[in-house]
């Protein structure tokens, strides 16, 4: 019975996007509260976007917004360079990977594409 419950818990955790971490595994941060999110336009203006959530770990920044408007993840990396994720919409994730330019994440933002 205990094995069945543990198996069910793992299945539910994986199905809902949760993460289990063992010793030596980097822990991912949970999505930020939607009320805390700010999305930036191309010219740098901030737009309050309570419809968005972000995620990050030491290398990657991600954003998803519940809107048809196009957006993408943008990241400033520790080596001073920037990177961006794919332009997407409709509650899909965009991820900016600092590992793609040999660095770690300093900070990230969600930006409107148009």
C-alpha atoms as a PDB file:
ATOM      1  CA  UNK A   1       0.000   0.000   0.000  1.00  0.00           C
ATOM      2  CA  UNK A   2       2.831   2.436   0.861  1.00  0.00           C
ATOM      3  CA  UNK A   3       4.508   1.792  -2.497  1.00  0.00           C
ATOM      4  CA  UNK A   4       1.255   2.472  -4.316  1.00  0.00           C
ATOM      5  CA  UNK A   5       0.819   5.788  -2.479  1.00  0.00           C
ATOM      6  CA  UNK A   6       4.411   6.857  -3.146  1.00  0.00           C
ATOM      7  CA  UNK A   7       4.025   5.927  -6.814  1.00  0.00           C
ATOM      8  CA  UNK A   8       0.792   7.906  -7.039  1.00  0.00           C
ATOM      9  CA  UNK A   9       2.429  10.926  -5.364  1.00  0.00           C
ATOM     10  CA  UNK A  10       5.338  10.876  -7.808  1.00  0.00           C
ATOM     11  CA  UNK A  11       2.952  10.560 -10.765  1.00  0.00           C
ATOM     12  CA  UNK A  12       0.875  13.500  -9.550  1.00  0.00           C
ATOM     13  CA  UNK A  13       3.994  15.570  -8.850  1.00  0.00           C
ATOM     14  CA  UNK A  14       5.376  14.939 -12.333  1.00  0.00           C
ATOM     15  CA  UNK A  15       1.996  15.483 -14.001  1.00  0.00           C
ATOM     16  CA  UNK A  16       1.524  18.834 -12.284  1.00  0.00           C
ATOM     17  CA  UNK A  17       5.010  20.072 -13.134  1.00  0.00           C
ATOM     18  CA  UNK A  18       6.412  19.675  -9.631  1.00  0.00           C
ATOM     19  CA  UNK A  19      10.017  18.757  -9.128  1.00  0.00           C
ATOM     20  CA  UNK A  20      11.577  16.195  -6.862  1.00  0.00           C
ATOM     21  CA  UNK A  21      15.237  16.666  -6.077  1.00  0.00           C
ATOM     22  CA  UNK A  22      17.749  14.322  -4.546  1.00  0.00           C
ATOM     23  CA  UNK A  23      21.089  15.014  -2.925  1.00  0.00           C
ATOM     24  CA  UNK A  24      23.351  17.050  -5.181  1.00  0.00           C
ATOM     25  CA  UNK A  25      20.548  18.147  -7.488  1.00  0.00           C
ATOM     26  CA  UNK A  26      19.921  21.837  -8.117  1.00  0.00           C
ATOM     27  CA  UNK A  27      16.520  22.926  -6.894  1.00  0.00           C
ATOM     28  CA  UNK A  28      14.436  24.977  -9.290  1.00  0.00           C
ATOM     29  CA  UNK A  29      12.534  27.935  -7.979  1.00  0.00           C
ATOM     30  CA  UNK A  30       8.771  27.881  -8.111  1.00  0.00           C
ATOM     31  CA  UNK A  31       6.872  30.264 -10.397  1.00  0.00           C
ATOM     32  CA  UNK A  32       6.566  33.787  -9.062  1.00  0.00           C
ATOM     33  CA  UNK A  33       3.252  35.195  -7.972  1.00  0.00           C
ATOM     34  CA  UNK A  34       1.390  36.666 -10.925  1.00  0.00           C
ATOM     35  CA  UNK A  35       0.883  39.922  -8.999  1.00  0.00           C
ATOM     36  CA  UNK A  36       4.670  40.440  -8.845  1.00  0.00           C
ATOM     37  CA  UNK A  37       5.313  40.216 -12.568  1.00  0.00           C
ATOM     38  CA  UNK A  38       6.197  43.149 -14.777  1.00  0.00           C
ATOM     39  CA  UNK A  39       6.546  42.767 -18.527  1.00  0.00           C
ATOM     40  CA  UNK A  40       8.642  45.284 -20.475  1.00  0.00           C
ATOM     41  CA  UNK A  41       8.007  46.679 -23.952  1.00  0.00           C
ATOM     42  CA  UNK A  42      10.809  46.777 -26.547  1.00  0.00           C
ATOM     43  CA  UNK A  43      11.600  50.383 -25.599  1.00  0.00           C
ATOM     44  CA  UNK A  44      12.007  49.377 -21.941  1.00  0.00           C
ATOM     45  CA  UNK A  45       8.709  50.685 -20.546  1.00  0.00           C
ATOM     46  CA  UNK A  46       7.203  48.547 -17.822  1.00  0.00           C
ATOM     47  CA  UNK A  47       3.705  47.186 -18.236  1.00  0.00           C
ATOM     48  CA  UNK A  48       1.903  45.664 -15.265  1.00  0.00           C
ATOM     49  CA  UNK A  49       1.012  42.150 -16.323  1.00  0.00           C
ATOM     50  CA  UNK A  50      -0.837  40.233 -13.658  1.00  0.00           C
ATOM     51  CA  UNK A  51      -1.509  37.632 -16.322  1.00  0.00           C
ATOM     52  CA  UNK A  52       2.124  36.424 -16.365  1.00  0.00           C
ATOM     53  CA  UNK A  53       4.282  34.071 -14.302  1.00  0.00           C
ATOM     54  CA  UNK A  54       8.039  33.602 -14.324  1.00  0.00           C
ATOM     55  CA  UNK A  55      10.433  30.819 -13.399  1.00  0.00           C
ATOM     56  CA  UNK A  56      14.188  30.806 -12.925  1.00  0.00           C
ATOM     57  CA  UNK A  57      17.101  28.726 -11.767  1.00  0.00           C
ATOM     58  CA  UNK A  58      20.820  29.566 -11.726  1.00  0.00           C
ATOM     59  CA  UNK A  59      21.096  29.412 -15.531  1.00  0.00           C
ATOM     60  CA  UNK A  60      17.676  30.051 -17.056  1.00  0.00           C
ATOM     61  CA  UNK A  61      14.817  32.552 -16.945  1.00  0.00           C
ATOM     62  CA  UNK A  62      11.339  31.679 -18.217  1.00  0.00           C
ATOM     63  CA  UNK A  63       8.036  33.512 -18.628  1.00  0.00           C
ATOM     64  CA  UNK A  64       4.523  32.579 -19.695  1.00  0.00           C
ATOM     65  CA  UNK A  65       1.503  34.857 -20.006  1.00  0.00           C
ATOM     66  CA  UNK A  66      -2.160  34.054 -20.448  1.00  0.00           C
ATOM     67  CA  UNK A  67      -2.639  36.313 -23.468  1.00  0.00           C
ATOM     68  CA  UNK A  68      -2.673  36.201 -27.256  1.00  0.00           C
ATOM     69  CA  UNK A  69      -0.133  39.037 -27.314  1.00  0.00           C
ATOM     70  CA  UNK A  70       3.388  37.911 -28.264  1.00  0.00           C
ATOM     71  CA  UNK A  71       6.065  37.901 -25.522  1.00  0.00           C
ATOM     72  CA  UNK A  72       9.481  36.380 -24.813  1.00  0.00           C
ATOM     73  CA  UNK A  73      11.943  35.757 -21.985  1.00  0.00           C
ATOM     74  CA  UNK A  74      14.984  38.029 -21.807  1.00  0.00           C
ATOM     75  CA  UNK A  75      17.984  37.381 -19.549  1.00  0.00           C
ATOM     76  CA  UNK A  76      21.045  39.320 -18.422  1.00  0.00           C
ATOM     77  CA  UNK A  77      23.812  36.835 -17.713  1.00  0.00           C
ATOM     78  CA  UNK A  78      26.680  37.100 -15.225  1.00  0.00           C
ATOM     79  CA  UNK A  79      29.209  37.560 -18.064  1.00  0.00           C
ATOM     80  CA  UNK A  80      27.414  40.788 -19.075  1.00  0.00           C
ATOM     81  CA  UNK A  81      25.831  39.388 -22.221  1.00  0.00           C
ATOM     82  CA  UNK A  82      22.100  39.038 -22.841  1.00  0.00           C
ATOM     83  CA  UNK A  83      20.051  36.267 -24.375  1.00  0.00           C
ATOM     84  CA  UNK A  84      16.395  35.782 -25.203  1.00  0.00           C
ATOM     85  CA  UNK A  85      13.890  33.004 -25.617  1.00  0.00           C
ATOM     86  CA  UNK A  86      11.499  32.281 -28.442  1.00  0.00           C
ATOM     87  CA  UNK A  87       8.629  34.666 -29.124  1.00  0.00           C
ATOM     88  CA  UNK A  88       5.399  32.944 -28.126  1.00  0.00           C
ATOM     89  CA  UNK A  89       1.885  33.600 -26.801  1.00  0.00           C
ATOM     90  CA  UNK A  90      -1.200  31.907 -25.340  1.00  0.00           C
ATOM     91  CA  UNK A  91       0.200  30.603 -22.035  1.00  0.00           C
ATOM     92  CA  UNK A  92       3.274  28.943 -23.558  1.00  0.00           C
ATOM     93  CA  UNK A  93       6.687  29.162 -21.890  1.00  0.00           C
ATOM     94  CA  UNK A  94       9.607  31.102 -23.345  1.00  0.00           C
ATOM     95  CA  UNK A  95      13.041  30.406 -21.818  1.00  0.00           C
ATOM     96  CA  UNK A  96      16.264  32.419 -22.069  1.00  0.00           C
ATOM     97  CA  UNK A  97      19.314  30.189 -21.444  1.00  0.00           C
ATOM     98  CA  UNK A  98      22.535  31.774 -20.168  1.00  0.00           C
ATOM     99  CA  UNK A  99      24.268  28.416 -20.613  1.00  0.00           C
ATOM    100  CA  UNK A 100      23.942  29.009 -24.375  1.00  0.00           C
ATOM    101  CA  UNK A 101      26.514  31.798 -23.981  1.00  0.00           C
ATOM    102  CA  UNK A 102      28.664  30.097 -21.338  1.00  0.00           C
ATOM    103  CA  UNK A 103      27.334  31.885 -18.279  1.00  0.00           C
ATOM    104  CA  UNK A 104      24.841  31.868 -15.405  1.00  0.00           C
ATOM    105  CA  UNK A 105      21.705  33.962 -14.916  1.00  0.00           C
ATOM    106  CA  UNK A 106      22.015  37.388 -13.291  1.00  0.00           C
ATOM    107  CA  UNK A 107      18.352  38.402 -13.765  1.00  0.00           C
ATOM    108  CA  UNK A 108      15.559  38.119 -16.298  1.00  0.00           C
ATOM    109  CA  UNK A 109      12.460  39.885 -17.579  1.00  0.00           C
ATOM    110  CA  UNK A 110       9.416  39.091 -19.629  1.00  0.00           C
ATOM    111  CA  UNK A 111       9.116  41.401 -22.650  1.00  0.00           C
ATOM    112  CA  UNK A 112       6.333  42.054 -25.122  1.00  0.00           C
ATOM    113  CA  UNK A 113       7.436  41.260 -28.673  1.00  0.00           C
ATOM    114  CA  UNK A 114       5.198  43.881 -30.310  1.00  0.00           C
END
